Amino acid sequence: MTETGINGLKEYINTHNRFLIIGHIEPDGDCISSVLSLSYGLRRIQKKVISAIDSQCPAIYEEFQPVSQITFEGDICVEDFDAIITVDSSSPDRMGKYQGLMDKKPNFVIDHHVTNKLWGNYNWLDLEASSTAEMVYRFLKELGIEYDPVLATINMLGIQTDTGFFKYTNTGWRVMEIASELIKQGANAPFNASMVLENNRVQEFYLLSEMAKKIKITLDGTLIYSFITLDMLEKTGCTYEDAAGLIGELRSIKGVETAILFTEMDKEEIKVSFRSKKWFDVADIAIEYGGGGHQRASGCTIYQTMDQTIDEVVNNTKKRMETVNY
């Protein structure tokens, strides 16, 4: 397992001609953007590309026409590609069923997560990057790929979503320069923003209401948490996908530093989402429970009952927050 950086990726691309580009399960905007941007770019230098994600396409991206280029949950024949590139994935289990392909062909990982342990045969890991989409942009420009409005809009999506539309702490001067260049090249940033931020089903507001009734606040208002049960999902006509974005509503509350949302997938399978604003590293907790992510946005799955999970994770988080000097 070696860290070869952007130059190693250039050599890898020059060495092979047929690529399988894979994004992680439960894809977010950065994942979809990175898969599509890299796929479009490589095709423009006459490389053959298969794009795949082992999950359903999130509903909010169904109107994003380029997403039709990705194979969602499809079977991939190992004879159809020579090399693999995985994007935005901190660990191999995030590949879903495509993890089984990793020992069949060489694999290059492009990622920016602090929890990545260089799991690919070759790796480019940039912890300073705002998003994997930012890394893909820098790489395609290094290759001399010409951008048009379609590619610019696709690439912009991942940068917008992973920076919280330029409001998270990973919004620095470099990402703003890249965003400016993408807009100059025709990126339709307002379309992306409307698609992601103004595309909610009314059922999600019913679920938000149910979740809000369960809110608990502790540590002088700096730690907030709530939960969503299977019954709540059924009552409101929602799915886990609808629930996933509600963690941001908890973090947005005044005075809160850390927010936790527990979502019941089964009676003893709980998805835990962590978010923080300024100083608390939630990735450390997610890693402890076998998950991962960013310092300000991480998650994990715990196989216990809801009550057990809430009690354990909240107490653990409180102890950690009380020991942090900031």
C-alpha atoms as a PDB file:
ATOM      1  CA  MET A   1       0.000   0.000   0.000  1.00  0.00           C
ATOM      2  CA  THR A   2       1.729   3.179  -1.168  1.00  0.00           C
ATOM      3  CA  GLU A   3       0.899   6.887  -1.236  1.00  0.00           C
ATOM      4  CA  THR A   4       1.844   7.976  -4.752  1.00  0.00           C
ATOM      5  CA  GLY A   5      -0.052  11.260  -5.031  1.00  0.00           C
ATOM      6  CA  ILE A   6      -1.195  13.018  -8.159  1.00  0.00           C
ATOM      7  CA  ASN A   7       1.902  12.025 -10.136  1.00  0.00           C
ATOM      8  CA  GLY A   8       1.322   8.383  -9.320  1.00  0.00           C
ATOM      9  CA  LEU A   9      -2.253   8.728 -10.558  1.00  0.00           C
ATOM     10  CA  LYS A  10      -1.022  10.185 -13.852  1.00  0.00           C
ATOM     11  CA  GLU A  11       1.289   7.214 -14.333  1.00  0.00           C
ATOM     12  CA  TYR A  12      -1.545   4.815 -13.423  1.00  0.00           C
ATOM     13  CA  ILE A  13      -3.838   6.403 -16.009  1.00  0.00           C
ATOM     14  CA  ASN A  14      -1.141   6.223 -18.676  1.00  0.00           C
ATOM     15  CA  THR A  15      -0.483   2.557 -17.904  1.00  0.00           C
ATOM     16  CA  HIS A  16      -4.074   1.325 -18.361  1.00  0.00           C
ATOM     17  CA  ASN A  17      -6.862   1.888 -20.877  1.00  0.00           C
ATOM     18  CA  ARG A  18     -10.041   0.341 -19.413  1.00  0.00           C
ATOM     19  CA  PHE A  19     -11.144   1.575 -15.994  1.00  0.00           C
ATOM     20  CA  LEU A  20     -13.810   0.734 -13.451  1.00  0.00           C
ATOM     21  CA  ILE A  21     -14.495   3.841 -11.341  1.00  0.00           C
ATOM     22  CA  ILE A  22     -16.344   3.079  -8.100  1.00  0.00           C
ATOM     23  CA  GLY A  23     -17.976   5.341  -5.530  1.00  0.00           C
ATOM     24  CA  HIS A  24     -19.072   4.431  -2.028  1.00  0.00           C
ATOM     25  CA  ILE A  25     -22.413   3.033  -0.884  1.00  0.00           C
ATOM     26  CA  GLU A  26     -25.070   5.526   0.232  1.00  0.00           C
ATOM     27  CA  PRO A  27     -23.498   8.089  -2.112  1.00  0.00           C
ATOM     28  CA  ASP A  28     -23.503  11.797  -1.363  1.00  0.00           C
ATOM     29  CA  GLY A  29     -22.933  14.672  -3.747  1.00  0.00           C
ATOM     30  CA  ASP A  30     -19.146  14.462  -3.555  1.00  0.00           C
ATOM     31  CA  CYS A  31     -19.182  10.764  -4.393  1.00  0.00           C
ATOM     32  CA  ILE A  32     -21.495  11.152  -7.392  1.00  0.00           C
ATOM     33  CA  SER A  33     -19.663  14.237  -8.603  1.00  0.00           C
ATOM     34  CA  SER A  34     -16.232  12.595  -8.325  1.00  0.00           C
ATOM     35  CA  VAL A  35     -17.295   9.408 -10.112  1.00  0.00           C
ATOM     36  CA  LEU A  36     -18.892  11.351 -12.962  1.00  0.00           C
ATOM     37  CA  SER A  37     -16.192  14.034 -13.282  1.00  0.00           C
ATOM     38  CA  LEU A  38     -13.380  11.520 -13.453  1.00  0.00           C
ATOM     39  CA  SER A  39     -15.341   9.328 -15.872  1.00  0.00           C
ATOM     40  CA  TYR A  40     -16.104  12.233 -18.213  1.00  0.00           C
ATOM     41  CA  GLY A  41     -12.502  13.432 -18.063  1.00  0.00           C
ATOM     42  CA  LEU A  42     -10.934  10.064 -18.822  1.00  0.00           C
ATOM     43  CA  ARG A  43     -13.270   9.460 -21.734  1.00  0.00           C
ATOM     44  CA  ARG A  44     -11.998  12.699 -23.249  1.00  0.00           C
ATOM     45  CA  ILE A  45      -8.506  11.211 -23.463  1.00  0.00           C
ATOM     46  CA  GLN A  46      -9.905   8.081 -25.116  1.00  0.00           C
ATOM     47  CA  LYS A  47     -10.004   5.854 -22.049  1.00  0.00           C
ATOM     48  CA  LYS A  48     -12.824   3.348 -21.658  1.00  0.00           C
ATOM     49  CA  VAL A  49     -14.717   3.772 -18.400  1.00  0.00           C
ATOM     50  CA  ILE A  50     -17.384   1.918 -16.418  1.00  0.00           C
ATOM     51  CA  SER A  51     -18.846   3.911 -13.499  1.00  0.00           C
ATOM     52  CA  ALA A  52     -20.510   2.039 -10.645  1.00  0.00           C
ATOM     53  CA  ILE A  53     -21.981   2.523  -7.177  1.00  0.00           C
ATOM     54  CA  ASP A  54     -23.530  -0.321  -5.172  1.00  0.00           C
ATOM     55  CA  SER A  55     -26.546   1.664  -3.955  1.00  0.00           C
ATOM     56  CA  GLN A  56     -29.705   3.137  -5.326  1.00  0.00           C
ATOM     57  CA  CYS A  57     -29.385   6.611  -6.797  1.00  0.00           C
ATOM     58  CA  PRO A  58     -30.512   9.133  -4.149  1.00  0.00           C
ATOM     59  CA  ALA A  59     -33.836  10.630  -5.157  1.00  0.00           C
ATOM     60  CA  ILE A  60     -32.583  14.226  -5.187  1.00  0.00           C
ATOM     61  CA  TYR A  61     -30.079  13.390  -7.933  1.00  0.00           C
ATOM     62  CA  GLU A  62     -32.529  11.637 -10.243  1.00  0.00           C
ATOM     63  CA  GLU A  63     -33.094  14.876 -12.183  1.00  0.00           C
ATOM     64  CA  PHE A  64     -29.319  15.311 -12.607  1.00  0.00           C
ATOM     65  CA  GLN A  65     -29.108  14.011 -16.167  1.00  0.00           C
ATOM     66  CA  PRO A  66     -25.413  12.908 -16.121  1.00  0.00           C
ATOM     67  CA  VAL A  67     -26.159  10.501 -13.251  1.00  0.00           C
ATOM     68  CA  SER A  68     -27.591   8.108 -15.854  1.00  0.00           C
ATOM     69  CA  GLN A  69     -23.969   7.322 -16.770  1.00  0.00           C
ATOM     70  CA  ILE A  70     -23.500   5.503 -13.450  1.00  0.00           C
ATOM     71  CA  THR A  71     -24.435   1.853 -13.001  1.00  0.00           C
ATOM     72  CA  PHE A  72     -26.292   1.636  -9.686  1.00  0.00           C
ATOM     73  CA  GLU A  73     -26.323  -1.800  -7.984  1.00  0.00           C
ATOM     74  CA  GLY A  74     -25.433  -3.485 -11.285  1.00  0.00           C
ATOM     75  CA  ASP A  75     -23.236  -6.522 -11.832  1.00  0.00           C
ATOM     76  CA  ILE A  76     -19.790  -5.799 -13.265  1.00  0.00           C
ATOM     77  CA  CYS A  77     -17.839  -8.344 -15.313  1.00  0.00           C
ATOM     78  CA  VAL A  78     -14.169  -8.442 -14.310  1.00  0.00           C
ATOM     79  CA  GLU A  79     -13.157  -9.016 -17.945  1.00  0.00           C
ATOM     80  CA  ASP A  80     -14.528  -5.587 -18.890  1.00  0.00           C
ATOM     81  CA  PHE A  81     -11.835  -3.500 -17.193  1.00  0.00           C
ATOM     82  CA  ASP A  82      -8.092  -3.547 -16.567  1.00  0.00           C
ATOM     83  CA  ALA A  83      -7.807  -1.323 -13.509  1.00  0.00           C
ATOM     84  CA  ILE A  84      -9.956   0.153 -10.730  1.00  0.00           C
ATOM     85  CA  ILE A  85     -10.151   3.676  -9.355  1.00  0.00           C
ATOM     86  CA  THR A  86     -12.148   4.221  -6.171  1.00  0.00           C
ATOM     87  CA  VAL A  87     -13.142   7.723  -5.134  1.00  0.00           C
ATOM     88  CA  ASP A  88     -14.211   9.330  -1.853  1.00  0.00           C
ATOM     89  CA  SER A  89     -13.984   6.058   0.092  1.00  0.00           C
ATOM     90  CA  SER A  90     -12.081   5.762   3.349  1.00  0.00           C
ATOM     91  CA  SER A  91     -12.254   1.948   3.576  1.00  0.00           C
ATOM     92  CA  PRO A  92     -12.908  -1.029   1.259  1.00  0.00           C
ATOM     93  CA  ASP A  93     -16.171  -2.030   2.949  1.00  0.00           C
ATOM     94  CA  ARG A  94     -17.660   1.206   1.569  1.00  0.00           C
ATOM     95  CA  MET A  95     -17.532  -0.418  -1.870  1.00  0.00           C
ATOM     96  CA  GLY A  96     -20.427  -2.752  -1.094  1.00  0.00           C
ATOM     97  CA  LYS A  97     -20.473  -5.816  -3.307  1.00  0.00           C
ATOM     98  CA  TYR A  98     -17.725  -4.325  -5.497  1.00  0.00           C
ATOM     99  CA  GLN A  99     -15.274  -4.882  -2.663  1.00  0.00           C
ATOM    100  CA  GLY A 100     -14.931  -8.407  -4.041  1.00  0.00           C
ATOM    101  CA  LEU A 101     -13.325  -6.992  -7.192  1.00  0.00           C
ATOM    102  CA  MET A 102     -10.438  -5.387  -5.325  1.00  0.00           C
ATOM    103  CA  ASP A 103      -8.216  -8.436  -5.428  1.00  0.00           C
ATOM    104  CA  LYS A 104      -8.942  -9.057  -9.104  1.00  0.00           C
ATOM    105  CA  LYS A 105      -7.308  -5.953 -10.616  1.00  0.00           C
ATOM    106  CA  PRO A 106      -5.054  -3.124  -9.372  1.00  0.00           C
ATOM    107  CA  ASN A 107      -6.833  -0.393  -7.438  1.00  0.00           C
ATOM    108  CA  PHE A 108      -6.035   3.311  -7.053  1.00  0.00           C
ATOM    109  CA  VAL A 109      -7.794   5.211  -4.238  1.00  0.00           C
ATOM    110  CA  ILE A 110      -8.471   8.968  -4.446  1.00  0.00           C
ATOM    111  CA  ASP A 111      -9.721  10.318  -1.137  1.00  0.00           C
ATOM    112  CA  HIS A 112      -9.600  13.139   1.424  1.00  0.00           C
ATOM    113  CA  HIS A 113     -10.951  11.490   4.587  1.00  0.00           C
ATOM    114  CA  VAL A 114      -8.803  11.640   7.705  1.00  0.00           C
ATOM    115  CA  THR A 115      -9.878   8.073   8.543  1.00  0.00           C
ATOM    116  CA  ASN A 116      -8.403   6.615   5.330  1.00  0.00           C
ATOM    117  CA  LYS A 117      -5.576   4.153   6.059  1.00  0.00           C
ATOM    118  CA  LEU A 118      -4.212   3.935   2.484  1.00  0.00           C
ATOM    119  CA  TRP A 119      -6.117   0.767   1.691  1.00  0.00           C
ATOM    120  CA  GLY A 120      -5.597   0.773  -2.090  1.00  0.00           C
ATOM    121  CA  ASN A 121      -2.686  -0.719  -3.994  1.00  0.00           C
ATOM    122  CA  TYR A 122      -1.933   2.898  -4.857  1.00  0.00           C
ATOM    123  CA  ASN A 123      -3.298   5.960  -3.088  1.00  0.00           C
ATOM    124  CA  TRP A 124      -3.642   9.713  -3.391  1.00  0.00           C
ATOM    125  CA  LEU A 125      -4.797  11.001  -0.026  1.00  0.00           C
ATOM    126  CA  ASP A 126      -5.108  14.771   0.500  1.00  0.00           C
ATOM    127  CA  LEU A 127      -6.420  15.648   3.949  1.00  0.00           C
ATOM    128  CA  GLU A 128      -6.316  19.354   3.095  1.00  0.00           C
ATOM    129  CA  ALA A 129      -8.738  18.994   0.180  1.00  0.00           C
ATOM    130  CA  SER A 130     -12.285  20.219   0.728  1.00  0.00           C
ATOM    131  CA  SER A 131     -13.647  17.282  -1.235  1.00  0.00           C
ATOM    132  CA  THR A 132     -12.640  14.471  -3.539  1.00  0.00           C
ATOM    133  CA  ALA A 133     -14.269  16.503  -6.321  1.00  0.00           C
ATOM    134  CA  GLU A 134     -11.654  19.212  -5.701  1.00  0.00           C
ATOM    135  CA  MET A 135      -8.896  16.605  -6.121  1.00  0.00           C
ATOM    136  CA  VAL A 136     -10.480  15.342  -9.338  1.00  0.00           C
ATOM    137  CA  TYR A 137     -10.580  18.907 -10.681  1.00  0.00           C
ATOM    138  CA  ARG A 138      -6.887  19.431  -9.961  1.00  0.00           C
ATOM    139  CA  PHE A 139      -6.048  16.112 -11.607  1.00  0.00           C
ATOM    140  CA  LEU A 140      -8.084  16.726 -14.756  1.00  0.00           C
ATOM    141  CA  LYS A 141      -6.529  20.166 -15.143  1.00  0.00           C
ATOM    142  CA  GLU A 142      -3.102  18.544 -14.730  1.00  0.00           C
ATOM    143  CA  LEU A 143      -4.026  16.230 -17.627  1.00  0.00           C
ATOM    144  CA  GLY A 144      -5.020  19.219 -19.719  1.00  0.00           C
ATOM    145  CA  ILE A 145      -8.681  18.232 -19.941  1.00  0.00           C
ATOM    146  CA  GLU A 146     -10.847  20.956 -21.474  1.00  0.00           C
ATOM    147  CA  TYR A 147     -13.873  21.845 -19.370  1.00  0.00           C
ATOM    148  CA  ASP A 148     -17.285  22.635 -20.828  1.00  0.00           C
ATOM    149  CA  PRO A 149     -20.454  23.630 -18.914  1.00  0.00           C
ATOM    150  CA  VAL A 150     -21.506  19.983 -18.427  1.00  0.00           C
ATOM    151  CA  LEU A 151     -18.232  18.826 -16.867  1.00  0.00           C
ATOM    152  CA  ALA A 152     -17.930  22.052 -14.892  1.00  0.00           C
ATOM    153  CA  THR A 153     -21.431  21.619 -13.419  1.00  0.00           C
ATOM    154  CA  ILE A 154     -20.769  17.976 -12.544  1.00  0.00           C
ATOM    155  CA  ASN A 155     -17.455  18.809 -10.854  1.00  0.00           C
ATOM    156  CA  MET A 156     -18.957  21.791  -9.026  1.00  0.00           C
ATOM    157  CA  LEU A 157     -21.596  19.599  -7.387  1.00  0.00           C
ATOM    158  CA  GLY A 158     -19.160  17.740  -5.144  1.00  0.00           C
ATOM    159  CA  ILE A 159     -17.369  20.889  -4.064  1.00  0.00           C
ATOM    160  CA  GLN A 160     -20.667  22.588  -3.220  1.00  0.00           C
ATOM    161  CA  THR A 161     -22.100  19.703  -1.212  1.00  0.00           C
ATOM    162  CA  ASP A 162     -18.957  18.781   0.739  1.00  0.00           C
ATOM    163  CA  THR A 163     -18.386  22.388   1.804  1.00  0.00           C
ATOM    164  CA  GLY A 164     -22.047  22.784   2.780  1.00  0.00           C
ATOM    165  CA  PHE A 165     -22.358  25.275  -0.056  1.00  0.00           C
ATOM    166  CA  PHE A 166     -19.287  27.110   1.223  1.00  0.00           C
ATOM    167  CA  LYS A 167     -20.290  27.431   4.859  1.00  0.00           C
ATOM    168  CA  TYR A 168     -18.233  24.618   6.492  1.00  0.00           C
ATOM    169  CA  THR A 169     -14.745  25.066   7.925  1.00  0.00           C
ATOM    170  CA  ASN A 170     -13.191  23.286   4.917  1.00  0.00           C
ATOM    171  CA  THR A 171     -14.025  26.324   2.768  1.00  0.00           C
ATOM    172  CA  GLY A 172     -10.627  27.916   2.149  1.00  0.00           C
ATOM    173  CA  TRP A 173      -9.082  30.154  -0.492  1.00  0.00           C
ATOM    174  CA  ARG A 174      -8.091  27.242  -2.743  1.00  0.00           C
ATOM    175  CA  VAL A 175     -11.590  25.810  -3.031  1.00  0.00           C
ATOM    176  CA  MET A 176     -13.009  29.268  -3.696  1.00  0.00           C
ATOM    177  CA  GLU A 177     -10.521  29.776  -6.527  1.00  0.00           C
ATOM    178  CA  ILE A 178     -11.516  26.418  -8.026  1.00  0.00           C
ATOM    179  CA  ALA A 179     -15.206  27.253  -7.700  1.00  0.00           C
ATOM    180  CA  SER A 180     -14.571  30.544  -9.461  1.00  0.00           C
ATOM    181  CA  GLU A 181     -12.779  28.759 -12.314  1.00  0.00           C
ATOM    182  CA  LEU A 182     -15.634  26.262 -12.663  1.00  0.00           C
ATOM    183  CA  ILE A 183     -18.179  29.064 -12.880  1.00  0.00           C
ATOM    184  CA  LYS A 184     -16.052  30.765 -15.541  1.00  0.00           C
ATOM    185  CA  GLN A 185     -16.151  27.461 -17.434  1.00  0.00           C
ATOM    186  CA  GLY A 186     -19.944  27.402 -17.308  1.00  0.00           C
ATOM    187  CA  ALA A 187     -20.820  25.541 -14.099  1.00  0.00           C
ATOM    188  CA  ASN A 188     -24.500  25.964 -13.276  1.00  0.00           C
ATOM    189  CA  ALA A 189     -24.054  26.392  -9.525  1.00  0.00           C
ATOM    190  CA  PRO A 190     -27.632  27.631  -8.918  1.00  0.00           C
ATOM    191  CA  PHE A 191     -29.048  24.485 -10.539  1.00  0.00           C
ATOM    192  CA  ASN A 192     -26.973  22.285  -8.239  1.00  0.00           C
ATOM    193  CA  ALA A 193     -27.988  24.293  -5.181  1.00  0.00           C
ATOM    194  CA  SER A 194     -31.679  24.165  -6.021  1.00  0.00           C
ATOM    195  CA  MET A 195     -31.527  20.435  -6.752  1.00  0.00           C
ATOM    196  CA  VAL A 196     -29.929  19.635  -3.383  1.00  0.00           C
ATOM    197  CA  LEU A 197     -31.458  22.271  -1.108  1.00  0.00           C
ATOM    198  CA  GLU A 198     -34.903  22.853  -2.607  1.00  0.00           C
ATOM    199  CA  ASN A 199     -35.956  19.348  -3.520  1.00  0.00           C
ATOM    200  CA  ASN A 200     -37.470  18.007  -0.290  1.00  0.00           C
ATOM    201  CA  ARG A 201     -40.638  15.948  -0.092  1.00  0.00           C
ATOM    202  CA  VAL A 202     -43.295  17.181   2.299  1.00  0.00           C
ATOM    203  CA  GLN A 203     -42.993  13.854   4.167  1.00  0.00           C
ATOM    204  CA  GLU A 204     -39.493  14.893   5.243  1.00  0.00           C
ATOM    205  CA  PHE A 205     -40.991  17.807   7.177  1.00  0.00           C
ATOM    206  CA  TYR A 206     -43.363  15.415   8.938  1.00  0.00           C
ATOM    207  CA  LEU A 207     -40.329  13.321   9.903  1.00  0.00           C
ATOM    208  CA  LEU A 208     -38.463  16.439  11.030  1.00  0.00           C
ATOM    209  CA  SER A 209     -41.385  17.244  13.304  1.00  0.00           C
ATOM    210  CA  GLU A 210     -41.343  13.751  14.826  1.00  0.00           C
ATOM    211  CA  MET A 211     -37.581  13.861  15.292  1.00  0.00           C
ATOM    212  CA  ALA A 212     -37.734  17.321  16.878  1.00  0.00           C
ATOM    213  CA  LYS A 213     -40.079  16.012  19.589  1.00  0.00           C
ATOM    214  CA  LYS A 214     -37.316  13.625  20.728  1.00  0.00           C
ATOM    215  CA  ILE A 215     -34.536  16.213  21.010  1.00  0.00           C
ATOM    216  CA  LYS A 216     -32.334  16.146  24.102  1.00  0.00           C
ATOM    217  CA  ILE A 217     -29.812  18.875  24.935  1.00  0.00           C
ATOM    218  CA  THR A 218     -26.978  18.529  27.418  1.00  0.00           C
ATOM    219  CA  LEU A 219     -23.550  19.944  28.332  1.00  0.00           C
ATOM    220  CA  ASP A 220     -24.908  23.472  28.695  1.00  0.00           C
ATOM    221  CA  GLY A 221     -26.449  23.338  25.241  1.00  0.00           C
ATOM    222  CA  THR A 222     -23.308  22.264  23.375  1.00  0.00           C
ATOM    223  CA  LEU A 223     -24.393  18.648  22.772  1.00  0.00           C
ATOM    224  CA  ILE A 224     -27.717  17.822  21.111  1.00  0.00           C
ATOM    225  CA  TYR A 225     -29.102  14.467  20.046  1.00  0.00           C
ATOM    226  CA  SER A 226     -32.266  12.851  18.825  1.00  0.00           C
ATOM    227  CA  PHE A 227     -33.444   9.626  17.222  1.00  0.00           C
ATOM    228  CA  ILE A 228     -35.621   8.223  14.452  1.00  0.00           C
ATOM    229  CA  THR A 229     -37.282   4.824  14.782  1.00  0.00           C
ATOM    230  CA  LEU A 230     -38.676   2.474  12.171  1.00  0.00           C
ATOM    231  CA  ASP A 231     -42.146   3.364  13.407  1.00  0.00           C
ATOM    232  CA  MET A 232     -41.464   7.057  12.804  1.00  0.00           C
ATOM    233  CA  LEU A 233     -40.292   6.328   9.259  1.00  0.00           C
ATOM    234  CA  GLU A 234     -43.390   4.255   8.564  1.00  0.00           C
ATOM    235  CA  LYS A 235     -45.726   6.823  10.114  1.00  0.00           C
ATOM    236  CA  THR A 236     -44.394   9.656   7.941  1.00  0.00           C
ATOM    237  CA  GLY A 237     -43.872   7.628   4.769  1.00  0.00           C
ATOM    238  CA  CYS A 238     -40.125   8.247   4.820  1.00  0.00           C
ATOM    239  CA  THR A 239     -36.972   6.212   4.231  1.00  0.00           C
ATOM    240  CA  TYR A 240     -33.461   6.314   5.691  1.00  0.00           C
ATOM    241  CA  GLU A 241     -32.473   8.534   2.785  1.00  0.00           C
ATOM    242  CA  ASP A 242     -35.026  11.107   3.947  1.00  0.00           C
ATOM    243  CA  ALA A 243     -33.717  10.885   7.495  1.00  0.00           C
ATOM    244  CA  ALA A 244     -30.040  11.272   6.644  1.00  0.00           C
ATOM    245  CA  GLY A 245     -30.147  15.018   6.063  1.00  0.00           C
ATOM    246  CA  LEU A 246     -31.837  15.868   9.348  1.00  0.00           C
ATOM    247  CA  ILE A 247     -28.569  15.796  11.281  1.00  0.00           C
ATOM    248  CA  GLY A 248     -27.814  19.184   9.756  1.00  0.00           C
ATOM    249  CA  GLU A 249     -30.940  20.623  11.343  1.00  0.00           C
ATOM    250  CA  LEU A 250     -29.673  19.569  14.764  1.00  0.00           C
ATOM    251  CA  ARG A 251     -26.233  21.077  14.209  1.00  0.00           C
ATOM    252  CA  SER A 252     -27.789  24.369  13.057  1.00  0.00           C
ATOM    253  CA  ILE A 253     -29.240  25.149  16.498  1.00  0.00           C
ATOM    254  CA  LYS A 254     -27.640  28.096  18.298  1.00  0.00           C
ATOM    255  CA  GLY A 255     -25.005  27.168  20.874  1.00  0.00           C
ATOM    256  CA  VAL A 256     -24.647  23.562  19.691  1.00  0.00           C
ATOM    257  CA  GLU A 257     -21.140  22.270  18.978  1.00  0.00           C
ATOM    258  CA  THR A 258     -21.896  18.570  18.477  1.00  0.00           C
ATOM    259  CA  ALA A 259     -25.029  16.902  17.131  1.00  0.00           C
ATOM    260  CA  ILE A 260     -25.856  13.194  17.018  1.00  0.00           C
ATOM    261  CA  LEU A 261     -28.737  11.534  15.201  1.00  0.00           C
ATOM    262  CA  PHE A 262     -29.598   7.864  15.782  1.00  0.00           C
ATOM    263  CA  THR A 263     -31.631   6.153  13.056  1.00  0.00           C
ATOM    264  CA  GLU A 264     -33.065   2.679  13.476  1.00  0.00           C
ATOM    265  CA  MET A 265     -32.451   0.428  10.467  1.00  0.00           C
ATOM    266  CA  ASP A 266     -33.508  -2.744  12.296  1.00  0.00           C
ATOM    267  CA  LYS A 267     -34.251  -3.607  15.914  1.00  0.00           C
ATOM    268  CA  GLU A 268     -30.537  -4.041  16.618  1.00  0.00           C
ATOM    269  CA  GLU A 269     -28.961  -1.982  13.829  1.00  0.00           C
ATOM    270  CA  ILE A 270     -28.577   1.737  14.472  1.00  0.00           C
ATOM    271  CA  LYS A 271     -27.014   4.260  12.077  1.00  0.00           C
ATOM    272  CA  VAL A 272     -25.286   7.010  14.027  1.00  0.00           C
ATOM    273  CA  SER A 273     -24.525  10.361  12.393  1.00  0.00           C
ATOM    274  CA  PHE A 274     -22.183  12.869  14.058  1.00  0.00           C
ATOM    275  CA  ARG A 275     -21.719  16.533  13.172  1.00  0.00           C
ATOM    276  CA  SER A 276     -19.758  19.315  14.862  1.00  0.00           C
ATOM    277  CA  LYS A 277     -19.207  22.995  14.172  1.00  0.00           C
ATOM    278  CA  LYS A 278     -15.824  24.293  15.270  1.00  0.00           C
ATOM    279  CA  TRP A 279     -13.678  22.358  17.707  1.00  0.00           C
ATOM    280  CA  PHE A 280     -14.861  18.804  18.460  1.00  0.00           C
ATOM    281  CA  ASP A 281     -13.441  15.942  16.366  1.00  0.00           C
ATOM    282  CA  VAL A 282     -16.323  13.538  15.751  1.00  0.00           C
ATOM    283  CA  ALA A 283     -14.218  11.269  13.528  1.00  0.00           C
ATOM    284  CA  ASP A 284     -12.474   9.861  16.603  1.00  0.00           C
ATOM    285  CA  ILE A 285     -15.752   8.572  18.002  1.00  0.00           C
ATOM    286  CA  ALA A 286     -16.920   7.163  14.670  1.00  0.00           C
ATOM    287  CA  ILE A 287     -13.630   5.286  14.279  1.00  0.00           C
ATOM    288  CA  GLU A 288     -14.029   3.763  17.743  1.00  0.00           C
ATOM    289  CA  TYR A 289     -17.290   2.169  16.568  1.00  0.00           C
ATOM    290  CA  GLY A 290     -15.918   0.973  13.227  1.00  0.00           C
ATOM    291  CA  GLY A 291     -17.028   3.988  11.195  1.00  0.00           C
ATOM    292  CA  GLY A 292     -15.226   7.002   9.789  1.00  0.00           C
ATOM    293  CA  GLY A 293     -15.476  10.281   7.960  1.00  0.00           C
ATOM    294  CA  HIS A 294     -14.354  13.837   8.648  1.00  0.00           C
ATOM    295  CA  GLN A 295     -13.504  15.770  11.800  1.00  0.00           C
ATOM    296  CA  ARG A 296     -16.796  17.655  11.494  1.00  0.00           C
ATOM    297  CA  ALA A 297     -18.955  14.985   9.833  1.00  0.00           C
ATOM    298  CA  SER A 298     -18.711  11.254  10.515  1.00  0.00           C
ATOM    299  CA  GLY A 299     -20.853   8.197  11.021  1.00  0.00           C
ATOM    300  CA  CYS A 300     -20.969   4.552  12.028  1.00  0.00           C
ATOM    301  CA  THR A 301     -23.335   1.607  12.465  1.00  0.00           C
ATOM    302  CA  ILE A 302     -23.815  -0.006  15.886  1.00  0.00           C
ATOM    303  CA  TYR A 303     -25.508  -3.375  16.285  1.00  0.00           C
ATOM    304  CA  GLN A 304     -27.418  -2.875  19.534  1.00  0.00           C
ATOM    305  CA  THR A 305     -30.854  -1.671  20.503  1.00  0.00           C
ATOM    306  CA  MET A 306     -31.673   2.020  20.192  1.00  0.00           C
ATOM    307  CA  ASP A 307     -31.670   2.574  23.964  1.00  0.00           C
ATOM    308  CA  GLN A 308     -28.319   0.839  24.429  1.00  0.00           C
ATOM    309  CA  THR A 309     -26.762   2.757  21.552  1.00  0.00           C
ATOM    310  CA  ILE A 310     -27.978   6.162  22.683  1.00  0.00           C
ATOM    311  CA  ASP A 311     -26.842   5.591  26.253  1.00  0.00           C
ATOM    312  CA  GLU A 312     -23.366   4.397  25.243  1.00  0.00           C
ATOM    313  CA  VAL A 313     -22.641   6.919  22.489  1.00  0.00           C
ATOM    314  CA  VAL A 314     -24.004   9.981  24.295  1.00  0.00           C
ATOM    315  CA  ASN A 315     -22.067   9.198  27.474  1.00  0.00           C
ATOM    316  CA  ASN A 316     -18.901   8.569  25.452  1.00  0.00           C
ATOM    317  CA  THR A 317     -19.329  11.841  23.569  1.00  0.00           C
ATOM    318  CA  LYS A 318     -19.985  13.823  26.767  1.00  0.00           C
ATOM    319  CA  LYS A 319     -16.815  12.475  28.386  1.00  0.00           C
ATOM    320  CA  ARG A 320     -14.738  13.328  25.326  1.00  0.00           C
ATOM    321  CA  MET A 321     -16.185  16.817  24.968  1.00  0.00           C
ATOM    322  CA  GLU A 322     -15.555  17.588  28.637  1.00  0.00           C
ATOM    323  CA  THR A 323     -11.831  16.843  28.218  1.00  0.00           C
ATOM    324  CA  VAL A 324     -11.253  19.013  25.127  1.00  0.00           C
ATOM    325  CA  ASN A 325      -9.447  22.324  25.489  1.00  0.00           C
ATOM    326  CA  TYR A 326     -10.453  24.745  22.765  1.00  0.00           C
END
